N, C-alpha and C. Protein backbone atom coordinates (compact mmCIF):
# COMPACT_ATOMS: atom_id res chain seq x y z
N MET A 1 -44.78 74.28 90.05
CA MET A 1 -45.70 74.71 89.03
C MET A 1 -45.08 75.79 88.14
N MET A 2 -44.42 76.73 88.79
CA MET A 2 -43.76 77.80 88.05
C MET A 2 -42.68 77.25 87.11
N LEU A 3 -41.98 76.21 87.57
CA LEU A 3 -40.92 75.60 86.78
C LEU A 3 -41.48 74.99 85.50
N LYS A 4 -42.66 74.35 85.61
CA LYS A 4 -43.27 73.73 84.42
C LYS A 4 -43.66 74.79 83.40
N GLN A 5 -44.13 75.94 83.86
CA GLN A 5 -44.50 77.01 82.94
C GLN A 5 -43.27 77.64 82.30
N PHE A 6 -42.20 77.72 83.06
CA PHE A 6 -40.97 78.34 82.55
C PHE A 6 -40.28 77.48 81.51
N ARG A 7 -40.36 76.19 81.68
CA ARG A 7 -39.61 75.27 80.84
C ARG A 7 -39.93 75.39 79.34
N PRO A 8 -41.19 75.34 78.91
CA PRO A 8 -41.47 75.49 77.47
C PRO A 8 -40.98 76.83 76.92
N TRP A 9 -41.14 77.87 77.73
CA TRP A 9 -40.66 79.19 77.30
C TRP A 9 -39.15 79.19 77.12
N ALA A 10 -38.44 78.58 78.06
CA ALA A 10 -36.97 78.52 77.98
C ALA A 10 -36.53 77.72 76.77
N ILE A 11 -37.22 76.62 76.50
CA ILE A 11 -36.87 75.79 75.34
C ILE A 11 -37.13 76.58 74.05
N SER A 12 -38.23 77.30 74.01
CA SER A 12 -38.54 78.12 72.82
C SER A 12 -37.49 79.20 72.60
N MET A 13 -37.08 79.84 73.68
CA MET A 13 -36.05 80.88 73.56
C MET A 13 -34.73 80.29 73.10
N TYR A 14 -34.37 79.14 73.65
CA TYR A 14 -33.13 78.48 73.23
C TYR A 14 -33.17 78.15 71.75
N ALA A 15 -34.31 77.61 71.30
CA ALA A 15 -34.46 77.28 69.88
C ALA A 15 -34.35 78.53 69.01
N LEU A 16 -34.95 79.63 69.45
CA LEU A 16 -34.90 80.88 68.70
C LEU A 16 -33.47 81.41 68.61
N PHE A 17 -32.77 81.42 69.74
CA PHE A 17 -31.37 81.89 69.74
C PHE A 17 -30.49 81.00 68.89
N SER A 18 -30.73 79.69 68.92
CA SER A 18 -29.96 78.76 68.10
C SER A 18 -30.18 79.05 66.62
N LEU A 19 -31.43 79.29 66.25
CA LEU A 19 -31.75 79.59 64.86
C LEU A 19 -31.09 80.89 64.42
N VAL A 20 -31.16 81.91 65.26
CA VAL A 20 -30.52 83.19 64.95
C VAL A 20 -29.02 83.00 64.78
N PHE A 21 -28.41 82.20 65.64
CA PHE A 21 -26.96 81.93 65.57
C PHE A 21 -26.61 81.26 64.25
N VAL A 22 -27.38 80.23 63.85
CA VAL A 22 -27.11 79.52 62.60
C VAL A 22 -27.31 80.43 61.40
N VAL A 23 -28.40 81.19 61.39
CA VAL A 23 -28.68 82.10 60.27
C VAL A 23 -27.61 83.18 60.19
N SER A 24 -27.19 83.74 61.35
CA SER A 24 -26.17 84.79 61.31
C SER A 24 -24.83 84.25 60.82
N HIS A 25 -24.49 83.01 61.20
CA HIS A 25 -23.24 82.43 60.68
C HIS A 25 -23.33 82.19 59.18
N ALA A 26 -24.49 81.70 58.72
CA ALA A 26 -24.66 81.47 57.28
C ALA A 26 -24.56 82.79 56.52
N TYR A 27 -25.20 83.83 57.06
CA TYR A 27 -25.14 85.14 56.41
C TYR A 27 -23.71 85.68 56.41
N ALA A 28 -23.02 85.54 57.55
CA ALA A 28 -21.64 86.03 57.65
C ALA A 28 -20.76 85.31 56.64
N THR A 29 -20.94 84.00 56.52
CA THR A 29 -20.16 83.23 55.57
C THR A 29 -20.46 83.66 54.14
N ASP A 30 -21.74 83.83 53.81
CA ASP A 30 -22.12 84.25 52.45
C ASP A 30 -21.56 85.64 52.12
N ALA A 31 -21.61 86.54 53.09
CA ALA A 31 -21.07 87.89 52.86
C ALA A 31 -19.56 87.83 52.64
N ALA A 32 -18.87 86.99 53.40
CA ALA A 32 -17.42 86.86 53.22
C ALA A 32 -17.09 86.24 51.86
N TRP A 33 -17.86 85.23 51.45
CA TRP A 33 -17.65 84.65 50.11
C TRP A 33 -17.83 85.73 49.03
N ALA A 34 -18.86 86.55 49.18
CA ALA A 34 -19.10 87.61 48.19
C ALA A 34 -17.92 88.57 48.11
N ARG A 35 -17.33 88.89 49.24
CA ARG A 35 -16.17 89.79 49.24
C ARG A 35 -14.98 89.16 48.51
N VAL A 36 -14.66 87.90 48.86
CA VAL A 36 -13.48 87.31 48.22
C VAL A 36 -13.72 87.01 46.75
N GLN A 37 -14.98 86.86 46.34
CA GLN A 37 -15.26 86.71 44.91
C GLN A 37 -14.91 87.99 44.15
N ARG A 38 -15.06 89.14 44.80
CA ARG A 38 -14.67 90.42 44.17
C ARG A 38 -13.15 90.58 44.13
N GLY A 39 -12.45 89.97 45.10
CA GLY A 39 -10.99 90.03 45.12
C GLY A 39 -10.44 91.18 45.94
N GLY A 40 -9.14 91.13 46.19
CA GLY A 40 -8.46 92.19 46.91
C GLY A 40 -8.34 91.95 48.41
N TYR A 41 -8.65 90.75 48.88
CA TYR A 41 -8.61 90.44 50.30
C TYR A 41 -7.51 89.44 50.62
N THR A 42 -7.22 89.32 51.92
CA THR A 42 -6.31 88.29 52.40
C THR A 42 -7.15 87.30 53.21
N ILE A 43 -6.93 86.02 52.93
CA ILE A 43 -7.67 84.95 53.60
C ILE A 43 -6.71 84.20 54.51
N LEU A 44 -6.95 84.29 55.80
CA LEU A 44 -6.10 83.62 56.80
C LEU A 44 -6.70 82.26 57.12
N ILE A 45 -5.91 81.20 56.89
CA ILE A 45 -6.38 79.84 57.09
C ILE A 45 -5.38 79.08 57.94
N GLN A 46 -5.88 78.24 58.83
CA GLN A 46 -5.02 77.35 59.62
C GLN A 46 -4.68 76.13 58.78
N GLY A 47 -3.45 75.62 58.94
CA GLY A 47 -3.09 74.38 58.28
C GLY A 47 -3.86 73.22 58.90
N ALA A 48 -4.19 72.20 58.10
CA ALA A 48 -4.86 71.01 58.63
C ALA A 48 -3.86 70.23 59.47
N ASP A 49 -4.38 69.30 60.27
CA ASP A 49 -3.48 68.46 61.07
C ASP A 49 -3.79 66.99 60.84
N ALA A 50 -3.11 66.13 61.55
CA ALA A 50 -3.26 64.70 61.34
C ALA A 50 -4.65 64.20 61.69
N SER A 51 -5.38 64.93 62.54
CA SER A 51 -6.72 64.48 62.91
C SER A 51 -7.76 64.86 61.87
N GLY A 52 -7.38 65.66 60.89
CA GLY A 52 -8.31 66.02 59.84
C GLY A 52 -9.07 67.30 60.10
N THR A 53 -8.59 68.12 61.02
CA THR A 53 -9.22 69.43 61.23
C THR A 53 -8.19 70.50 60.96
N LEU A 54 -8.67 71.70 60.69
CA LEU A 54 -7.75 72.82 60.62
C LEU A 54 -7.29 73.06 62.04
N SER A 55 -6.01 73.23 62.22
CA SER A 55 -5.48 73.08 63.57
C SER A 55 -4.45 74.12 63.94
N PRO A 56 -4.38 74.43 65.24
CA PRO A 56 -3.34 75.32 65.70
C PRO A 56 -2.02 74.58 65.95
N THR A 57 -2.02 73.26 65.79
CA THR A 57 -0.81 72.50 66.09
C THR A 57 0.26 72.73 65.04
N VAL A 58 1.47 72.50 65.44
CA VAL A 58 2.61 72.78 64.57
C VAL A 58 3.48 71.54 64.45
N ASP A 59 3.86 71.19 63.25
CA ASP A 59 4.84 70.14 63.02
C ASP A 59 6.15 70.84 62.73
N SER A 60 7.12 70.65 63.57
CA SER A 60 8.38 71.39 63.41
C SER A 60 9.41 70.61 62.60
N SER A 61 9.01 69.50 62.00
CA SER A 61 9.95 68.70 61.22
C SER A 61 10.48 69.51 60.05
N ALA A 62 11.79 69.48 59.87
CA ALA A 62 12.41 70.25 58.80
C ALA A 62 12.22 69.59 57.43
N ASP A 63 12.14 68.25 57.40
CA ASP A 63 12.03 67.55 56.14
C ASP A 63 10.61 67.04 55.95
N CYS A 64 9.81 67.84 55.29
CA CYS A 64 8.39 67.50 55.12
C CYS A 64 8.20 66.33 54.17
N SER A 65 9.19 66.01 53.34
CA SER A 65 9.04 64.91 52.39
C SER A 65 9.04 63.55 53.09
N VAL A 66 9.59 63.45 54.28
CA VAL A 66 9.62 62.17 55.00
C VAL A 66 8.63 62.13 56.16
N THR A 67 7.89 63.20 56.36
CA THR A 67 6.93 63.27 57.47
C THR A 67 5.53 63.35 56.92
N GLN A 68 4.68 62.40 57.33
CA GLN A 68 3.28 62.47 56.93
C GLN A 68 2.56 63.27 58.00
N THR A 69 2.29 64.52 57.70
CA THR A 69 1.69 65.39 58.71
C THR A 69 0.18 65.36 58.69
N LEU A 70 -0.40 64.97 57.58
CA LEU A 70 -1.86 64.97 57.48
C LEU A 70 -2.38 63.54 57.36
N SER A 71 -3.45 63.26 58.06
CA SER A 71 -4.13 61.98 57.92
C SER A 71 -4.91 61.99 56.60
N ASP A 72 -5.53 60.87 56.28
CA ASP A 72 -6.37 60.84 55.08
C ASP A 72 -7.47 61.89 55.19
N ARG A 73 -8.05 62.01 56.38
CA ARG A 73 -9.10 63.01 56.61
C ARG A 73 -8.55 64.43 56.45
N GLY A 74 -7.34 64.67 56.95
CA GLY A 74 -6.72 65.98 56.80
C GLY A 74 -6.47 66.33 55.35
N ARG A 75 -6.00 65.35 54.57
CA ARG A 75 -5.78 65.58 53.14
C ARG A 75 -7.09 65.86 52.41
N GLN A 76 -8.14 65.11 52.78
CA GLN A 76 -9.45 65.34 52.16
C GLN A 76 -9.96 66.75 52.47
N LEU A 77 -9.79 67.19 53.71
CA LEU A 77 -10.22 68.53 54.09
C LEU A 77 -9.47 69.59 53.27
N ALA A 78 -8.15 69.41 53.14
CA ALA A 78 -7.36 70.37 52.38
C ALA A 78 -7.82 70.44 50.92
N GLN A 79 -8.10 69.28 50.32
CA GLN A 79 -8.57 69.26 48.94
C GLN A 79 -9.95 69.92 48.82
N LYS A 80 -10.82 69.69 49.81
CA LYS A 80 -12.14 70.30 49.80
C LYS A 80 -12.05 71.82 49.89
N LEU A 81 -11.08 72.32 50.66
CA LEU A 81 -10.91 73.78 50.77
C LEU A 81 -10.70 74.38 49.39
N GLY A 82 -9.75 73.83 48.67
CA GLY A 82 -9.46 74.33 47.33
C GLY A 82 -10.64 74.21 46.40
N ALA A 83 -11.36 73.07 46.49
CA ALA A 83 -12.52 72.85 45.64
C ALA A 83 -13.62 73.88 45.93
N ARG A 84 -13.78 74.25 47.20
CA ARG A 84 -14.81 75.25 47.54
C ARG A 84 -14.47 76.62 46.97
N PHE A 85 -13.20 76.99 47.04
CA PHE A 85 -12.80 78.27 46.45
C PHE A 85 -13.01 78.25 44.94
N ALA A 86 -12.64 77.13 44.30
CA ALA A 86 -12.82 77.03 42.85
C ALA A 86 -14.30 77.05 42.48
N ALA A 87 -15.13 76.32 43.23
CA ALA A 87 -16.57 76.26 42.93
C ALA A 87 -17.23 77.63 43.06
N ARG A 88 -16.72 78.46 43.94
CA ARG A 88 -17.27 79.81 44.13
C ARG A 88 -16.66 80.82 43.17
N GLY A 89 -15.72 80.39 42.34
CA GLY A 89 -15.09 81.30 41.39
C GLY A 89 -14.18 82.31 42.06
N VAL A 90 -13.58 81.92 43.18
CA VAL A 90 -12.69 82.83 43.91
C VAL A 90 -11.29 82.73 43.32
N ARG A 91 -10.80 83.86 42.87
CA ARG A 91 -9.46 83.91 42.29
C ARG A 91 -8.43 84.06 43.40
N ILE A 92 -7.42 83.20 43.37
CA ILE A 92 -6.31 83.28 44.32
C ILE A 92 -5.07 83.69 43.52
N ASP A 93 -4.51 84.84 43.86
CA ASP A 93 -3.33 85.34 43.17
C ASP A 93 -2.03 84.80 43.76
N LYS A 94 -2.03 84.61 45.09
CA LYS A 94 -0.78 84.26 45.76
C LYS A 94 -1.10 83.47 47.01
N VAL A 95 -0.24 82.47 47.31
CA VAL A 95 -0.37 81.68 48.53
C VAL A 95 0.95 81.76 49.29
N LEU A 96 0.86 82.26 50.52
CA LEU A 96 2.01 82.29 51.42
C LEU A 96 1.74 81.29 52.54
N THR A 97 2.76 80.56 52.95
CA THR A 97 2.59 79.57 54.00
C THR A 97 3.73 79.62 55.00
N SER A 98 3.44 79.19 56.22
CA SER A 98 4.52 79.05 57.19
C SER A 98 5.41 77.90 56.73
N SER A 99 6.53 77.73 57.37
CA SER A 99 7.44 76.65 56.99
C SER A 99 7.05 75.32 57.63
N THR A 100 6.02 75.30 58.47
CA THR A 100 5.62 74.05 59.10
C THR A 100 5.05 73.10 58.05
N CYS A 101 5.27 71.81 58.27
CA CYS A 101 4.86 70.81 57.29
C CYS A 101 3.35 70.77 57.09
N ASN A 102 2.59 70.88 58.19
CA ASN A 102 1.14 70.79 58.03
C ASN A 102 0.59 71.96 57.21
N ALA A 103 1.11 73.15 57.40
CA ALA A 103 0.66 74.31 56.62
C ALA A 103 1.07 74.18 55.16
N ARG A 104 2.30 73.74 54.92
CA ARG A 104 2.78 73.58 53.54
C ARG A 104 1.98 72.53 52.78
N GLU A 105 1.70 71.42 53.45
CA GLU A 105 0.94 70.35 52.80
C GLU A 105 -0.51 70.78 52.56
N THR A 106 -1.10 71.47 53.50
CA THR A 106 -2.47 71.97 53.31
C THR A 106 -2.52 72.95 52.13
N ALA A 107 -1.54 73.84 52.05
CA ALA A 107 -1.50 74.80 50.95
C ALA A 107 -1.34 74.10 49.60
N ARG A 108 -0.47 73.09 49.57
CA ARG A 108 -0.23 72.36 48.32
C ARG A 108 -1.50 71.63 47.86
N LEU A 109 -2.18 70.97 48.80
CA LEU A 109 -3.38 70.22 48.43
C LEU A 109 -4.56 71.13 48.12
N SER A 110 -4.64 72.26 48.77
CA SER A 110 -5.77 73.18 48.56
C SER A 110 -5.61 74.01 47.30
N PHE A 111 -4.41 74.49 47.06
CA PHE A 111 -4.18 75.46 45.97
C PHE A 111 -3.01 75.01 45.11
N GLY A 112 -3.02 73.74 44.71
CA GLY A 112 -1.89 73.13 44.00
C GLY A 112 -1.48 73.81 42.72
N SER A 113 -2.38 74.51 42.06
CA SER A 113 -2.03 75.16 40.80
C SER A 113 -1.19 76.42 41.03
N ILE A 114 -1.13 76.87 42.28
CA ILE A 114 -0.34 78.05 42.63
C ILE A 114 0.78 77.60 43.56
N THR A 115 2.00 77.90 43.21
CA THR A 115 3.12 77.52 44.06
C THR A 115 3.09 78.34 45.34
N ALA A 116 3.00 77.64 46.46
CA ALA A 116 2.99 78.32 47.76
C ALA A 116 4.40 78.74 48.12
N GLU A 117 4.54 79.97 48.57
CA GLU A 117 5.83 80.49 49.00
C GLU A 117 5.92 80.44 50.52
N ILE A 118 7.05 79.97 51.01
CA ILE A 118 7.26 79.98 52.46
C ILE A 118 7.54 81.42 52.89
N PHE A 119 6.79 81.85 53.89
CA PHE A 119 6.90 83.21 54.42
C PHE A 119 7.09 83.08 55.93
N ARG A 120 8.32 83.24 56.38
CA ARG A 120 8.70 82.96 57.78
C ARG A 120 7.88 83.71 58.83
N PRO A 121 7.39 84.92 58.57
CA PRO A 121 6.54 85.56 59.59
C PRO A 121 5.26 84.78 59.92
N LEU A 122 4.87 83.82 59.08
CA LEU A 122 3.71 82.99 59.37
C LEU A 122 4.05 81.81 60.28
N ASP A 123 5.34 81.63 60.58
CA ASP A 123 5.76 80.57 61.49
C ASP A 123 5.25 80.85 62.90
N PRO A 124 5.30 79.84 63.77
CA PRO A 124 4.84 80.05 65.16
C PRO A 124 5.51 81.27 65.79
N LEU A 125 4.75 82.00 66.57
CA LEU A 125 5.26 83.21 67.21
C LEU A 125 6.29 82.87 68.28
N PRO A 126 7.34 83.67 68.37
CA PRO A 126 8.36 83.44 69.40
C PRO A 126 7.87 83.87 70.78
N GLY A 127 8.57 83.44 71.82
CA GLY A 127 8.21 83.81 73.18
C GLY A 127 8.59 85.23 73.53
N ASN A 128 9.63 85.75 72.90
CA ASN A 128 10.10 87.11 73.14
C ASN A 128 9.07 88.11 72.63
N GLU A 129 8.61 89.00 73.49
CA GLU A 129 7.53 89.93 73.13
C GLU A 129 7.91 90.87 71.98
N ALA A 130 9.14 91.39 71.99
CA ALA A 130 9.57 92.30 70.93
C ALA A 130 9.61 91.58 69.58
N ALA A 131 10.14 90.36 69.58
CA ALA A 131 10.21 89.57 68.34
C ALA A 131 8.81 89.20 67.87
N LYS A 132 7.93 88.88 68.82
CA LYS A 132 6.54 88.55 68.49
C LYS A 132 5.86 89.73 67.81
N GLN A 133 5.99 90.93 68.37
CA GLN A 133 5.36 92.11 67.79
C GLN A 133 5.93 92.43 66.41
N ALA A 134 7.24 92.21 66.24
CA ALA A 134 7.87 92.45 64.93
C ALA A 134 7.31 91.49 63.89
N GLN A 135 7.10 90.23 64.28
CA GLN A 135 6.57 89.23 63.36
C GLN A 135 5.12 89.55 62.99
N ILE A 136 4.32 89.96 63.97
CA ILE A 136 2.93 90.35 63.71
C ILE A 136 2.91 91.55 62.75
N GLU A 137 3.81 92.49 62.95
CA GLU A 137 3.87 93.67 62.08
C GLU A 137 4.26 93.29 60.65
N GLN A 138 5.14 92.29 60.49
CA GLN A 138 5.50 91.83 59.14
C GLN A 138 4.29 91.21 58.44
N MET A 139 3.50 90.44 59.18
CA MET A 139 2.28 89.86 58.59
C MET A 139 1.32 90.98 58.18
N ARG A 140 1.12 91.93 59.08
CA ARG A 140 0.19 93.05 58.81
C ARG A 140 0.67 93.85 57.60
N ALA A 141 1.94 94.13 57.53
CA ALA A 141 2.50 94.91 56.41
C ALA A 141 2.28 94.20 55.08
N THR A 142 2.40 92.88 55.08
CA THR A 142 2.19 92.10 53.86
C THR A 142 0.73 92.18 53.42
N ILE A 143 -0.17 92.13 54.38
CA ILE A 143 -1.60 92.24 54.07
C ILE A 143 -1.91 93.62 53.49
N VAL A 144 -1.39 94.65 54.12
CA VAL A 144 -1.64 96.03 53.67
C VAL A 144 -1.06 96.28 52.28
N ALA A 145 0.11 95.68 52.02
CA ALA A 145 0.78 95.90 50.73
C ALA A 145 0.15 95.12 49.59
N PHE A 146 -0.65 94.09 49.89
CA PHE A 146 -1.22 93.26 48.83
C PHE A 146 -2.18 94.05 47.96
N LYS A 147 -1.94 93.98 46.68
CA LYS A 147 -2.83 94.59 45.69
C LYS A 147 -2.97 93.58 44.56
N GLY A 148 -4.15 93.18 44.29
CA GLY A 148 -4.36 92.20 43.23
C GLY A 148 -5.82 92.13 42.87
N LEU A 149 -6.09 91.56 41.71
CA LEU A 149 -7.48 91.36 41.29
C LEU A 149 -8.09 90.18 42.04
N GLY A 150 -7.22 89.26 42.44
CA GLY A 150 -7.66 88.09 43.21
C GLY A 150 -7.39 88.31 44.68
N ASN A 151 -7.08 87.23 45.38
CA ASN A 151 -6.88 87.28 46.82
C ASN A 151 -5.53 86.67 47.20
N LEU A 152 -5.09 87.02 48.37
CA LEU A 152 -3.88 86.45 48.97
C LEU A 152 -4.32 85.46 50.03
N VAL A 153 -3.77 84.24 50.00
CA VAL A 153 -4.02 83.26 51.06
C VAL A 153 -2.78 83.20 51.93
N MET A 154 -2.98 83.26 53.24
CA MET A 154 -1.90 83.08 54.20
C MET A 154 -2.23 81.87 55.06
N MET A 155 -1.43 80.81 54.91
CA MET A 155 -1.65 79.56 55.63
C MET A 155 -0.73 79.58 56.86
N THR A 156 -1.33 79.59 58.04
CA THR A 156 -0.56 79.77 59.26
C THR A 156 -1.18 78.93 60.38
N ASP A 157 -1.02 79.34 61.62
CA ASP A 157 -1.66 78.62 62.71
C ASP A 157 -2.58 79.55 63.49
N ARG A 158 -3.37 78.96 64.36
CA ARG A 158 -4.40 79.72 65.08
C ARG A 158 -3.82 80.85 65.92
N ALA A 159 -2.68 80.60 66.59
CA ALA A 159 -2.09 81.63 67.46
C ALA A 159 -1.75 82.89 66.66
N ASN A 160 -1.26 82.72 65.45
CA ASN A 160 -0.93 83.88 64.62
C ASN A 160 -2.18 84.64 64.20
N ILE A 161 -3.24 83.90 63.85
CA ILE A 161 -4.48 84.56 63.44
C ILE A 161 -5.06 85.35 64.61
N ILE A 162 -5.02 84.76 65.80
CA ILE A 162 -5.53 85.46 66.98
C ILE A 162 -4.71 86.71 67.25
N ALA A 163 -3.38 86.59 67.22
CA ALA A 163 -2.50 87.73 67.51
C ALA A 163 -2.68 88.84 66.49
N LEU A 164 -2.91 88.48 65.25
CA LEU A 164 -3.03 89.45 64.17
C LEU A 164 -4.40 90.13 64.15
N THR A 165 -5.45 89.37 64.44
CA THR A 165 -6.81 89.89 64.25
C THR A 165 -7.63 90.03 65.53
N GLY A 166 -7.26 89.30 66.57
CA GLY A 166 -8.08 89.26 67.77
C GLY A 166 -9.24 88.28 67.64
N VAL A 167 -9.34 87.60 66.51
CA VAL A 167 -10.40 86.63 66.26
C VAL A 167 -9.86 85.23 66.53
N THR A 168 -10.61 84.43 67.28
CA THR A 168 -10.25 83.03 67.49
C THR A 168 -11.06 82.19 66.51
N PRO A 169 -10.42 81.73 65.43
CA PRO A 169 -11.18 80.99 64.43
C PRO A 169 -11.53 79.59 64.91
N ARG A 170 -12.68 79.11 64.48
CA ARG A 170 -13.05 77.72 64.73
C ARG A 170 -12.11 76.83 63.94
N PRO A 171 -12.09 75.52 64.26
CA PRO A 171 -11.18 74.63 63.54
C PRO A 171 -11.36 74.58 62.03
N THR A 172 -12.56 74.88 61.53
CA THR A 172 -12.76 74.88 60.07
C THR A 172 -13.28 76.24 59.62
N GLU A 173 -12.51 77.26 59.92
CA GLU A 173 -12.93 78.63 59.61
C GLU A 173 -11.75 79.44 59.10
N ALA A 174 -12.01 80.28 58.11
CA ALA A 174 -11.02 81.22 57.61
C ALA A 174 -11.45 82.63 58.01
N VAL A 175 -10.48 83.50 58.23
CA VAL A 175 -10.76 84.89 58.56
C VAL A 175 -10.32 85.73 57.37
N VAL A 176 -11.22 86.56 56.87
CA VAL A 176 -10.96 87.40 55.70
C VAL A 176 -10.63 88.80 56.19
N VAL A 177 -9.49 89.33 55.77
CA VAL A 177 -9.04 90.64 56.24
C VAL A 177 -8.61 91.51 55.07
N SER A 178 -8.51 92.80 55.36
CA SER A 178 -7.98 93.76 54.39
C SER A 178 -7.28 94.86 55.17
N LYS A 179 -6.70 95.81 54.44
CA LYS A 179 -5.99 96.88 55.14
C LYS A 179 -6.93 97.64 56.07
N ALA A 180 -6.34 98.28 57.04
CA ALA A 180 -7.10 98.94 58.10
C ALA A 180 -7.99 100.05 57.57
N GLU A 181 -9.15 100.18 58.20
CA GLU A 181 -10.02 101.32 57.98
C GLU A 181 -9.88 102.22 59.20
N ASP A 182 -10.64 103.27 59.29
CA ASP A 182 -10.51 104.26 60.37
C ASP A 182 -10.39 103.62 61.75
N GLY A 183 -9.29 103.90 62.45
CA GLY A 183 -9.10 103.46 63.82
C GLY A 183 -8.81 101.98 64.01
N GLU A 184 -8.56 101.26 62.94
CA GLU A 184 -8.29 99.82 63.04
C GLU A 184 -6.82 99.53 62.77
N ASN A 185 -6.35 98.43 63.33
CA ASN A 185 -5.02 97.93 62.95
C ASN A 185 -5.12 97.12 61.67
N LEU A 186 -6.23 96.42 61.53
CA LEU A 186 -6.49 95.57 60.38
C LEU A 186 -8.00 95.43 60.29
N HIS A 187 -8.55 95.44 59.09
CA HIS A 187 -10.00 95.34 58.93
C HIS A 187 -10.41 93.87 58.81
N ILE A 188 -11.32 93.43 59.69
CA ILE A 188 -11.88 92.09 59.60
C ILE A 188 -13.07 92.19 58.65
N ALA A 189 -12.91 91.64 57.45
CA ALA A 189 -13.94 91.77 56.42
C ALA A 189 -14.98 90.65 56.48
N GLY A 190 -14.65 89.55 57.15
CA GLY A 190 -15.61 88.46 57.26
C GLY A 190 -14.95 87.18 57.71
N ARG A 191 -15.79 86.18 57.90
CA ARG A 191 -15.33 84.86 58.31
C ARG A 191 -16.05 83.83 57.46
N ILE A 192 -15.30 82.82 57.02
CA ILE A 192 -15.88 81.76 56.20
C ILE A 192 -15.80 80.46 56.99
N ILE A 193 -16.95 79.86 57.22
CA ILE A 193 -17.01 78.57 57.91
C ILE A 193 -17.18 77.49 56.84
N PHE A 194 -16.28 76.52 56.86
CA PHE A 194 -16.26 75.51 55.79
C PHE A 194 -17.13 74.30 56.06
N ASP A 195 -17.65 74.15 57.28
CA ASP A 195 -18.50 72.98 57.54
C ASP A 195 -19.85 73.39 58.06
């Protein structure tokens, strides 16, 4: 009998928490869009993969012209990314990408009007701890040094975003950062969910 009384209450609470979660994500995304519309931020994005999601996977092929790294769905996602930034009036001043084929192709399809520059610190992190920390510091220094009316896009992989920010992005999520504020290594200004 007690179980029957508890069940509707539990379902109601689950529905309430689900609604709060959805609303908070929508609010967080809208707040992050508002920030990047003002400019001066760095947007960390994962390169798409062959399955059509933004992905932590890495294609290590040196010749990207002969390797099809993105599926049709992956290419569509990359094009939609760029279209969403354009539709929101977000100015992109510079695009940096890792040398991996999936990141380069995603950057090209998303922000084709801006030539993406290969920036080796966005490549997969090495196993050596000292080299890993040096690479993370190079990424952080680039973010801190960025000054522009628009935004800087860094196309990389999930492991780099986690190491740099401590945030584990969803497969279709960008992390918006800026230089550190009091007591921070890097300021997490928001997260944009694309789906």
